[in-house]
Amino acid sequence: MTPTPTRVLDGDRVTRVAWLPGSDRLLGECSCGASAEAGDPIHLQDWLLAHPDHPATVVEPDQDRGEHVPPPHRVLHPWQAAGERRPVT
């Protein structure tokens, strides 16, 4: 069993990343007091490491890149498979 923390780190160089319950989003808090929300932990960490020059929000890749193609182990129907369909010769 993991013990409950009895104190929180404090200081001028402490950053925090917290999961927002009920979503797949993360909240990052910079040591300067700025905070930002992101879906990708890598982009959130890049934002935190950019202190003190980080932008107001986390730059995330465009989520609307076209039709989503599921990975091969998740294809349930032939029409979901990626690529051109042609007969096997």
Protein backbone atom coordinates (compact mmCIF):
# COMPACT_ATOMS: atom_id res chain seq x y z
CA MET A 1 0.00 0.00 0.00
CA THR A 2 1.36 3.43 -0.94
CA PRO A 3 1.55 5.93 1.92
CA THR A 4 -0.37 9.18 1.58
CA PRO A 5 1.94 12.15 0.98
CA THR A 6 2.25 14.37 4.04
CA ARG A 7 3.73 17.39 2.27
CA VAL A 8 3.88 19.03 -1.15
CA LEU A 9 7.10 20.25 -2.72
CA ASP A 10 7.49 23.99 -2.61
CA GLY A 11 9.91 26.34 -4.29
CA ASP A 12 10.50 28.60 -7.25
CA ARG A 13 11.38 25.74 -9.64
CA VAL A 14 8.53 23.30 -8.95
CA THR A 15 6.19 22.36 -11.81
CA ARG A 16 3.21 20.07 -11.60
CA VAL A 17 1.18 17.93 -13.97
CA ALA A 18 -2.20 16.67 -12.80
CA TRP A 19 -4.79 14.48 -14.48
CA LEU A 20 -8.24 16.04 -14.82
CA PRO A 21 -10.62 13.31 -13.55
CA GLY A 22 -13.36 12.28 -15.94
CA SER A 23 -11.36 13.23 -19.03
CA ASP A 24 -8.19 12.36 -20.90
CA ARG A 25 -6.74 15.84 -20.30
CA LEU A 26 -3.81 16.98 -18.18
CA LEU A 27 -3.32 20.26 -16.35
CA GLY A 28 0.20 21.66 -16.14
CA GLU A 29 1.19 24.28 -13.57
CA CYS A 30 4.41 26.20 -14.12
CA SER A 31 6.55 27.56 -11.32
CA CYS A 32 5.67 31.09 -12.45
CA GLY A 33 1.97 30.48 -11.73
CA ALA A 34 0.85 29.94 -15.35
CA SER A 35 -1.27 26.89 -16.11
CA ALA A 36 -2.33 25.15 -19.29
CA GLU A 37 -4.40 22.14 -20.29
CA ALA A 38 -3.35 19.54 -22.86
CA GLY A 39 -4.18 16.08 -24.09
CA ASP A 40 -0.62 15.05 -24.89
CA PRO A 41 1.86 14.75 -22.01
CA ILE A 42 4.82 15.41 -24.32
CA HIS A 43 3.41 18.73 -25.52
CA LEU A 44 2.56 19.69 -21.95
CA GLN A 45 6.11 18.90 -20.80
CA ASP A 46 7.53 20.96 -23.70
CA TRP A 47 5.32 23.83 -22.57
CA LEU A 48 6.59 23.54 -18.99
CA LEU A 49 10.23 23.38 -20.09
CA ALA A 50 9.81 26.55 -22.19
CA HIS A 51 9.56 28.64 -18.98
CA PRO A 52 9.67 31.66 -18.85
CA ASP A 53 8.90 32.02 -22.57
CA HIS A 54 6.01 29.55 -22.80
CA PRO A 55 2.93 30.65 -24.76
CA ALA A 56 -0.45 31.17 -23.10
CA THR A 57 -1.66 27.72 -24.24
CA VAL A 58 -0.07 24.40 -25.14
CA VAL A 59 0.54 24.02 -28.87
CA GLU A 60 -1.09 20.74 -29.85
CA PRO A 61 -1.17 19.10 -33.27
CA ASP A 62 -4.32 19.55 -35.29
CA GLN A 63 -6.80 16.97 -34.07
CA ASP A 64 -8.75 17.04 -37.34
CA ARG A 65 -6.24 15.42 -39.71
CA GLY A 66 -8.76 13.46 -41.72
CA GLU A 67 -10.48 10.15 -41.40
CA HIS A 68 -9.34 7.98 -38.50
CA VAL A 69 -8.08 4.54 -39.50
CA PRO A 70 -8.07 2.06 -36.61
CA PRO A 71 -4.95 -0.06 -36.05
CA PRO A 72 -5.05 -3.53 -37.66
CA HIS A 73 -5.93 -5.33 -34.42
CA ARG A 74 -9.06 -3.14 -34.11
CA VAL A 75 -10.44 -3.57 -37.65
CA LEU A 76 -13.85 -5.19 -37.33
CA HIS A 77 -15.05 -4.74 -40.91
CA PRO A 78 -13.14 -4.91 -44.22
CA TRP A 79 -14.26 -1.38 -45.16
CA GLN A 80 -12.34 -0.04 -42.12
CA ALA A 81 -8.98 -1.28 -43.40
CA ALA A 82 -6.57 1.36 -44.70
CA GLY A 83 -5.36 1.40 -48.25
CA GLU A 84 -6.72 0.63 -51.66
CA ARG A 85 -8.68 -2.61 -52.03
CA ARG A 86 -7.63 -4.78 -54.96
CA PRO A 87 -8.08 -8.46 -55.74
CA VAL A 88 -5.33 -10.89 -54.75
CA THR A 89 -3.73 -12.46 -57.83
